[in-house]
Amino acid sequence: MLLLRSLLYFVGSIISLILISFSGLLLIFASYSTRQKFLSQWAIFCMWWLKITLNIKTNVVGRENIINSSCIIISNHQSTWETLAFQTIFPAHTWVLKRELLWLPVFGWSLALLKPIIINRGEKLNAIKKVIKQGADRLEKGISIVIYPEGTRQPYKKLGVYQNGGSAIAKKTGYSIVPVYHNAGKIWPKGSFIKKPGVITVVIGEAISQSNLKPSEVTENIRQWTLEQESKFN
């Protein structure tokens, strides 16, 4: 039964992706705000469709900690779910993406309209420099940034090594960091087609303003906070 329900979700998400992505390409000359509002409708649909087909719901803890101005959102990464859900929780934002995603027909083209920070994972030093430089540019333009410091999705209950990109951007620009934890991997496991009904919890921590700490120290503090949340909600 879960296989059929997951298949139903998949079919609906793909059809809506094609329709919205193709339509979004017509907005190439529109403002970023217009493009973002339109293209985020796919994420909004997917979250609704997940609830209808698989009874997957979201519980947000700490919603009062959301910043409506530009900020750096640093979160653990377990699933595709958070890339969709965050668009329904946080104000307009973009992401750090591997360049290969832009090569995907239609979907990659629509992603490019959202001003992502594109990196080549094979060039680690240049990637960090690009994240800091382009991150500062996006923040100055009023666009928040979502960063997954583990770099790739991790299995449920396994927290990877946190990289310092988000903390380095905060140090350079003075913009605040909003730490986030979620347990999406419990419901939508990494690399799994089959999803399970249930409630995914998202915890939004208090904003971290500019401090005298080194980026590596800020990153470690965020990771420790994430581990604390993991022990509470798993």
Foldseek 3Di string as FASTA:
>chain_A
DLLVLLVVLVVVLVVVLQVQLVVLVVCLVPDLVVSQVSNLVSLVVSQVSCCVRFVEAEDEAPLVQADQWAAEEEEAAWAPNCVSVVSVRHPAAAEEEEPVLLVDPSNNVSNVSNQHQYDHVVPPVVSLVSLLVSQLVCRVVRHYYYYHQQRHHDFFPDTHDGDLSRLSNCQVRQHKYKYKYKRLCVFGGPPDSGGHHDYIYMYIDHIDTDDPDDSVVVRVVSVVVRVVVSVVPD
